[in-house]
Amino acid sequence: MLNKKTLQETVESNNFKGEWLDLKTAAVYLNVSYKTLRTFQTMGLEIVEIGRIRRVSKTALDNFMNKHAI
């Protein structure tokens, strides 16, 4: 299992390749906690769930953040 620092280093070295991110990587992408990301879901962030797999697109993350910009 990856700790937060290792996950951050992995994400940075991969430059977030690919459109779909797992939720822990998505939290790192937005620089928020996993719990905050789940709160964003209740606020309308679209997360795709197929069976036990949950993914969110970078486009959905960017759109959500832009929609809630002040």
PDB file of N, CA and C in Angstrom:
ATOM      1  N   MET A   1       0.837  -1.176   0.000  1.00  0.00           N
ATOM      2  CA  MET A   1       0.000   0.000   0.000  1.00  0.00           C
ATOM      3  C   MET A   1       0.885   1.244   0.000  1.00  0.00           C
ATOM      4  N   LEU A   2       0.506   2.234  -0.789  1.00  0.00           N
ATOM      5  CA  LEU A   2       1.290   3.452  -0.896  1.00  0.00           C
ATOM      6  C   LEU A   2       0.920   4.430   0.204  1.00  0.00           C
ATOM      7  N   ASN A   3       1.949   5.054   0.801  1.00  0.00           N
ATOM      8  CA  ASN A   3       1.634   6.125   1.734  1.00  0.00           C
ATOM      9  C   ASN A   3       1.458   7.418   0.938  1.00  0.00           C
ATOM     10  N   LYS A   4       1.017   8.479   1.598  1.00  0.00           N
ATOM     11  CA  LYS A   4       0.682   9.721   0.892  1.00  0.00           C
ATOM     12  C   LYS A   4       1.891  10.298   0.154  1.00  0.00           C
ATOM     13  N   LYS A   5       3.070  10.279   0.783  1.00  0.00           N
ATOM     14  CA  LYS A   5       4.264  10.834   0.149  1.00  0.00           C
ATOM     15  C   LYS A   5       4.629  10.037  -1.099  1.00  0.00           C
ATOM     16  N   THR A   6       4.599   8.725  -1.005  1.00  0.00           N
ATOM     17  CA  THR A   6       4.909   7.877  -2.152  1.00  0.00           C
ATOM     18  C   THR A   6       3.891   8.088  -3.262  1.00  0.00           C
ATOM     19  N   LEU A   7       2.622   8.194  -2.905  1.00  0.00           N
ATOM     20  CA  LEU A   7       1.579   8.438  -3.899  1.00  0.00           C
ATOM     21  C   LEU A   7       1.814   9.774  -4.585  1.00  0.00           C
ATOM     22  N   GLN A   8       2.135  10.807  -3.814  1.00  0.00           N
ATOM     23  CA  GLN A   8       2.405  12.132  -4.377  1.00  0.00           C
ATOM     24  C   GLN A   8       3.578  12.058  -5.356  1.00  0.00           C
ATOM     25  N   GLU A   9       4.656  11.389  -4.980  1.00  0.00           N
ATOM     26  CA  GLU A   9       5.822  11.259  -5.852  1.00  0.00           C
ATOM     27  C   GLU A   9       5.477  10.490  -7.119  1.00  0.00           C
ATOM     28  N   THR A  10       4.691   9.445  -6.990  1.00  0.00           N
ATOM     29  CA  THR A  10       4.273   8.657  -8.150  1.00  0.00           C
ATOM     30  C   THR A  10       3.443   9.493  -9.100  1.00  0.00           C
ATOM     31  N   VAL A  11       2.501  10.223  -8.551  1.00  0.00           N
ATOM     32  CA  VAL A  11       1.631  11.063  -9.378  1.00  0.00           C
ATOM     33  C   VAL A  11       2.443  12.134 -10.084  1.00  0.00           C
ATOM     34  N   GLU A  12       3.345  12.787  -9.356  1.00  0.00           N
ATOM     35  CA  GLU A  12       4.154  13.843  -9.957  1.00  0.00           C
ATOM     36  C   GLU A  12       5.058  13.292 -11.053  1.00  0.00           C
ATOM     37  N   SER A  13       5.620  12.123 -10.847  1.00  0.00           N
ATOM     38  CA  SER A  13       6.513  11.558 -11.854  1.00  0.00           C
ATOM     39  C   SER A  13       5.751  11.120 -13.096  1.00  0.00           C
ATOM     40  N   ASN A  14       4.476  10.775 -12.943  1.00  0.00           N
ATOM     41  CA  ASN A  14       3.651  10.369 -14.084  1.00  0.00           C
ATOM     42  C   ASN A  14       2.909  11.526 -14.720  1.00  0.00           C
ATOM     43  N   ASN A  15       2.985  12.699 -14.119  1.00  0.00           N
ATOM     44  CA  ASN A  15       2.287  13.878 -14.632  1.00  0.00           C
ATOM     45  C   ASN A  15       0.808  13.601 -14.886  1.00  0.00           C
ATOM     46  N   PHE A  16       0.195  12.778 -14.054  1.00  0.00           N
ATOM     47  CA  PHE A  16      -1.227  12.458 -14.158  1.00  0.00           C
ATOM     48  C   PHE A  16      -1.594  11.957 -15.548  1.00  0.00           C
ATOM     49  N   LYS A  17      -0.821  11.031 -16.065  1.00  0.00           N
ATOM     50  CA  LYS A  17      -1.106  10.472 -17.390  1.00  0.00           C
ATOM     51  C   LYS A  17      -2.433   9.744 -17.363  1.00  0.00           C
ATOM     52  N   GLY A  18      -3.165   9.846 -18.446  1.00  0.00           N
ATOM     53  CA  GLY A  18      -4.473   9.211 -18.533  1.00  0.00           C
ATOM     54  C   GLY A  18      -5.559  10.142 -18.037  1.00  0.00           C
ATOM     55  N   GLU A  19      -6.753   9.924 -18.516  1.00  0.00           N
ATOM     56  CA  GLU A  19      -7.891  10.782 -18.176  1.00  0.00           C
ATOM     57  C   GLU A  19      -8.542  10.379 -16.859  1.00  0.00           C
ATOM     58  N   TRP A  20      -8.545   9.096 -16.541  1.00  0.00           N
ATOM     59  CA  TRP A  20      -9.287   8.598 -15.380  1.00  0.00           C
ATOM     60  C   TRP A  20      -8.358   8.349 -14.207  1.00  0.00           C
ATOM     61  N   LEU A  21      -8.740   8.867 -13.038  1.00  0.00           N
ATOM     62  CA  LEU A  21      -7.939   8.733 -11.825  1.00  0.00           C
ATOM     63  C   LEU A  21      -8.740   7.993 -10.762  1.00  0.00           C
ATOM     64  N   ASP A  22      -8.041   7.182  -9.950  1.00  0.00           N
ATOM     65  CA  ASP A  22      -8.736   6.622  -8.789  1.00  0.00           C
ATOM     66  C   ASP A  22      -8.923   7.767  -7.791  1.00  0.00           C
ATOM     67  N   LEU A  23      -9.727   7.551  -6.773  1.00  0.00           N
ATOM     68  CA  LEU A  23     -10.103   8.658  -5.894  1.00  0.00           C
ATOM     69  C   LEU A  23      -8.936   9.190  -5.064  1.00  0.00           C
ATOM     70  N   LYS A  24      -8.034   8.327  -4.641  1.00  0.00           N
ATOM     71  CA  LYS A  24      -6.875   8.806  -3.882  1.00  0.00           C
ATOM     72  C   LYS A  24      -5.972   9.668  -4.753  1.00  0.00           C
ATOM     73  N   THR A  25      -5.766   9.263  -5.991  1.00  0.00           N
ATOM     74  CA  THR A  25      -4.953  10.049  -6.911  1.00  0.00           C
ATOM     75  C   THR A  25      -5.657  11.351  -7.257  1.00  0.00           C
ATOM     76  N   ALA A  26      -6.978  11.304  -7.400  1.00  0.00           N
ATOM     77  CA  ALA A  26      -7.748  12.517  -7.683  1.00  0.00           C
ATOM     78  C   ALA A  26      -7.615  13.522  -6.542  1.00  0.00           C
ATOM     79  N   ALA A  27      -7.599  13.035  -5.313  1.00  0.00           N
ATOM     80  CA  ALA A  27      -7.420  13.928  -4.167  1.00  0.00           C
ATOM     81  C   ALA A  27      -6.051  14.603  -4.222  1.00  0.00           C
ATOM     82  N   VAL A  28      -5.030  13.847  -4.580  1.00  0.00           N
ATOM     83  CA  VAL A  28      -3.688  14.419  -4.727  1.00  0.00           C
ATOM     84  C   VAL A  28      -3.689  15.436  -5.865  1.00  0.00           C
ATOM     85  N   TYR A  29      -4.336  15.117  -6.970  1.00  0.00           N
ATOM     86  CA  TYR A  29      -4.436  16.009  -8.131  1.00  0.00           C
ATOM     87  C   TYR A  29      -5.012  17.364  -7.726  1.00  0.00           C
ATOM     88  N   LEU A  30      -6.036  17.349  -6.852  1.00  0.00           N
ATOM     89  CA  LEU A  30      -6.667  18.594  -6.407  1.00  0.00           C
ATOM     90  C   LEU A  30      -6.007  19.190  -5.165  1.00  0.00           C
ATOM     91  N   ASN A  31      -5.057  18.447  -4.585  1.00  0.00           N
ATOM     92  CA  ASN A  31      -4.386  18.867  -3.357  1.00  0.00           C
ATOM     93  C   ASN A  31      -5.382  19.024  -2.207  1.00  0.00           C
ATOM     94  N   VAL A  32      -6.274  18.036  -2.081  1.00  0.00           N
ATOM     95  CA  VAL A  32      -7.248  17.987  -0.985  1.00  0.00           C
ATOM     96  C   VAL A  32      -7.189  16.602  -0.358  1.00  0.00           C
ATOM     97  N   SER A  33      -7.832  16.457   0.782  1.00  0.00           N
ATOM     98  CA  SER A  33      -7.883  15.139   1.418  1.00  0.00           C
ATOM     99  C   SER A  33      -8.899  14.254   0.705  1.00  0.00           C
ATOM    100  N   TYR A  34      -8.783  12.964   0.953  1.00  0.00           N
ATOM    101  CA  TYR A  34      -9.744  12.009   0.393  1.00  0.00           C
ATOM    102  C   TYR A  34     -11.145  12.332   0.899  1.00  0.00           C
ATOM    103  N   LYS A  35     -11.248  12.683   2.177  1.00  0.00           N
ATOM    104  CA  LYS A  35     -12.551  13.022   2.765  1.00  0.00           C
ATOM    105  C   LYS A  35     -13.160  14.243   2.063  1.00  0.00           C
ATOM    106  N   THR A  36     -12.352  15.234   1.768  1.00  0.00           N
ATOM    107  CA  THR A  36     -12.847  16.416   1.052  1.00  0.00           C
ATOM    108  C   THR A  36     -13.316  16.040  -0.342  1.00  0.00           C
ATOM    109  N   LEU A  37     -12.594  15.163  -1.010  1.00  0.00           N
ATOM    110  CA  LEU A  37     -13.015  14.715  -2.336  1.00  0.00           C
ATOM    111  C   LEU A  37     -14.386  14.049  -2.265  1.00  0.00           C
ATOM    112  N   ARG A  38     -14.613  13.237  -1.250  1.00  0.00           N
ATOM    113  CA  ARG A  38     -15.917  12.588  -1.078  1.00  0.00           C
ATOM    114  C   ARG A  38     -17.004  13.634  -0.790  1.00  0.00           C
ATOM    115  N   THR A  39     -16.657  14.693  -0.074  1.00  0.00           N
ATOM    116  CA  THR A  39     -17.603  15.796   0.139  1.00  0.00           C
ATOM    117  C   THR A  39     -17.933  16.464  -1.185  1.00  0.00           C
ATOM    118  N   PHE A  40     -16.920  16.638  -2.037  1.00  0.00           N
ATOM    119  CA  PHE A  40     -17.161  17.216  -3.363  1.00  0.00           C
ATOM    120  C   PHE A  40     -18.157  16.361  -4.142  1.00  0.00           C
ATOM    121  N   GLN A  41     -18.110  15.051  -3.940  1.00  0.00           N
ATOM    122  CA  GLN A  41     -19.061  14.169  -4.616  1.00  0.00           C
ATOM    123  C   GLN A  41     -20.488  14.514  -4.191  1.00  0.00           C
ATOM    124  N   THR A  42     -20.701  14.791  -2.920  1.00  0.00           N
ATOM    125  CA  THR A  42     -22.045  15.157  -2.457  1.00  0.00           C
ATOM    126  C   THR A  42     -22.464  16.519  -2.992  1.00  0.00           C
ATOM    127  N   MET A  43     -21.478  17.314  -3.423  1.00  0.00           N
ATOM    128  CA  MET A  43     -21.758  18.635  -3.987  1.00  0.00           C
ATOM    129  C   MET A  43     -21.928  18.590  -5.503  1.00  0.00           C
ATOM    130  N   GLY A  44     -21.810  17.403  -6.092  1.00  0.00           N
ATOM    131  CA  GLY A  44     -22.059  17.268  -7.513  1.00  0.00           C
ATOM    132  C   GLY A  44     -20.906  16.773  -8.366  1.00  0.00           C
ATOM    133  N   LEU A  45     -19.743  16.510  -7.768  1.00  0.00           N
ATOM    134  CA  LEU A  45     -18.633  15.957  -8.540  1.00  0.00           C
ATOM    135  C   LEU A  45     -19.029  14.589  -9.068  1.00  0.00           C
ATOM    136  N   GLU A  46     -18.895  14.394 -10.365  1.00  0.00           N
ATOM    137  CA  GLU A  46     -19.302  13.136 -10.992  1.00  0.00           C
ATOM    138  C   GLU A  46     -18.206  12.086 -10.859  1.00  0.00           C
ATOM    139  N   ILE A  47     -18.550  11.001 -10.191  1.00  0.00           N
ATOM    140  CA  ILE A  47     -17.645   9.868 -10.020  1.00  0.00           C
ATOM    141  C   ILE A  47     -18.291   8.658 -10.669  1.00  0.00           C
ATOM    142  N   VAL A  48     -17.515   7.942 -11.472  1.00  0.00           N
ATOM    143  CA  VAL A  48     -18.013   6.746 -12.146  1.00  0.00           C
ATOM    144  C   VAL A  48     -17.733   5.549 -11.250  1.00  0.00           C
ATOM    145  N   GLU A  49     -18.746   4.724 -11.043  1.00  0.00           N
ATOM    146  CA  GLU A  49     -18.588   3.530 -10.219  1.00  0.00           C
ATOM    147  C   GLU A  49     -19.069   2.318 -11.002  1.00  0.00           C
ATOM    148  N   ILE A  50     -18.152   1.384 -11.210  1.00  0.00           N
ATOM    149  CA  ILE A  50     -18.464   0.127 -11.889  1.00  0.00           C
ATOM    150  C   ILE A  50     -18.052  -0.980 -10.929  1.00  0.00           C
ATOM    151  N   GLY A  51     -19.038  -1.642 -10.368  1.00  0.00           N
ATOM    152  CA  GLY A  51     -18.739  -2.621  -9.328  1.00  0.00           C
ATOM    153  C   GLY A  51     -18.132  -1.902  -8.142  1.00  0.00           C
ATOM    154  N   ARG A  52     -16.953  -2.326  -7.746  1.00  0.00           N
ATOM    155  CA  ARG A  52     -16.264  -1.698  -6.616  1.00  0.00           C
ATOM    156  C   ARG A  52     -15.204  -0.704  -7.065  1.00  0.00           C
ATOM    157  N   ILE A  53     -15.114  -0.476  -8.360  1.00  0.00           N
ATOM    158  CA  ILE A  53     -14.106   0.431  -8.905  1.00  0.00           C
ATOM    159  C   ILE A  53     -14.717   1.817  -9.070  1.00  0.00           C
ATOM    160  N   ARG A  54     -14.045   2.824  -8.517  1.00  0.00           N
ATOM    161  CA  ARG A  54     -14.494   4.209  -8.647  1.00  0.00           C
ATOM    162  C   ARG A  54     -13.396   5.011  -9.323  1.00  0.00           C
ATOM    163  N   ARG A  55     -13.803   5.773 -10.328  1.00  0.00           N
ATOM    164  CA  ARG A  55     -12.871   6.626 -11.056  1.00  0.00           C
ATOM    165  C   ARG A  55     -13.521   7.977 -11.295  1.00  0.00           C
ATOM    166  N   VAL A  56     -12.684   8.975 -11.454  1.00  0.00           N
ATOM    167  CA  VAL A  56     -13.155  10.314 -11.791  1.00  0.00           C
ATOM    168  C   VAL A  56     -12.242  10.847 -12.888  1.00  0.00           C
ATOM    169  N   SER A  57     -12.809  11.537 -13.843  1.00  0.00           N
ATOM    170  CA  SER A  57     -11.998  12.056 -14.940  1.00  0.00           C
ATOM    171  C   SER A  57     -11.372  13.388 -14.542  1.00  0.00           C
ATOM    172  N   LYS A  58     -10.215  13.668 -15.096  1.00  0.00           N
ATOM    173  CA  LYS A  58      -9.567  14.950 -14.845  1.00  0.00           C
ATOM    174  C   LYS A  58     -10.442  16.085 -15.356  1.00  0.00           C
ATOM    175  N   THR A  59     -11.148  15.852 -16.458  1.00  0.00           N
ATOM    176  CA  THR A  59     -12.054  16.866 -16.995  1.00  0.00           C
ATOM    177  C   THR A  59     -13.147  17.188 -15.980  1.00  0.00           C
ATOM    178  N   ALA A  60     -13.730  16.158 -15.359  1.00  0.00           N
ATOM    179  CA  ALA A  60     -14.771  16.372 -14.349  1.00  0.00           C
ATOM    180  C   ALA A  60     -14.213  17.138 -13.150  1.00  0.00           C
ATOM    181  N   LEU A  61     -12.993  16.807 -12.741  1.00  0.00           N
ATOM    182  CA  LEU A  61     -12.363  17.515 -11.626  1.00  0.00           C
ATOM    183  C   LEU A  61     -12.145  18.981 -11.963  1.00  0.00           C
ATOM    184  N   ASP A  62     -11.593  19.237 -13.141  1.00  0.00           N
ATOM    185  CA  ASP A  62     -11.334  20.615 -13.562  1.00  0.00           C
ATOM    186  C   ASP A  62     -12.632  21.400 -13.699  1.00  0.00           C
ATOM    187  N   ASN A  63     -13.654  20.786 -14.298  1.00  0.00           N
ATOM    188  CA  ASN A  63     -14.946  21.460 -14.462  1.00  0.00           C
ATOM    189  C   ASN A  63     -15.581  21.774 -13.112  1.00  0.00           C
ATOM    190  N   PHE A  64     -15.508  20.829 -12.186  1.00  0.00           N
ATOM    191  CA  PHE A  64     -16.074  21.037 -10.855  1.00  0.00           C
ATOM    192  C   PHE A  64     -15.390  22.211 -10.163  1.00  0.00           C
ATOM    193  N   MET A  65     -14.069  22.256 -10.228  1.00  0.00           N
ATOM    194  CA  MET A  65     -13.341  23.343  -9.575  1.00  0.00           C
ATOM    195  C   MET A  65     -13.660  24.683 -10.236  1.00  0.00           C
ATOM    196  N   ASN A  66     -13.733  24.711 -11.555  1.00  0.00           N
ATOM    197  CA  ASN A  66     -14.064  25.958 -12.253  1.00  0.00           C
ATOM    198  C   ASN A  66     -15.479  26.417 -11.924  1.00  0.00           C
ATOM    199  N   LYS A  67     -16.395  25.477 -11.801  1.00  0.00           N
ATOM    200  CA  LYS A  67     -17.788  25.799 -11.481  1.00  0.00           C
ATOM    201  C   LYS A  67     -17.906  26.443 -10.103  1.00  0.00           C
ATOM    202  N   HIS A  68     -17.051  26.043  -9.184  1.00  0.00           N
ATOM    203  CA  HIS A  68     -17.124  26.550  -7.816  1.00  0.00           C
ATOM    204  C   HIS A  68     -16.098  27.649  -7.524  1.00  0.00           C
ATOM    205  N   ALA A  69     -15.480  28.173  -8.564  1.00  0.00           N
ATOM    206  CA  ALA A  69     -14.512  29.258  -8.376  1.00  0.00           C
ATOM    207  C   ALA A  69     -15.238  30.536  -7.951  1.00  0.00           C
ATOM    208  N   ILE A  70     -14.604  31.298  -7.113  1.00  0.00           N
ATOM    209  CA  ILE A  70     -15.195  32.561  -6.646  1.00  0.00           C
ATOM    210  C   ILE A  70     -14.710  33.699  -7.519  1.00  0.00           C
TER     211      ILE A  70
END
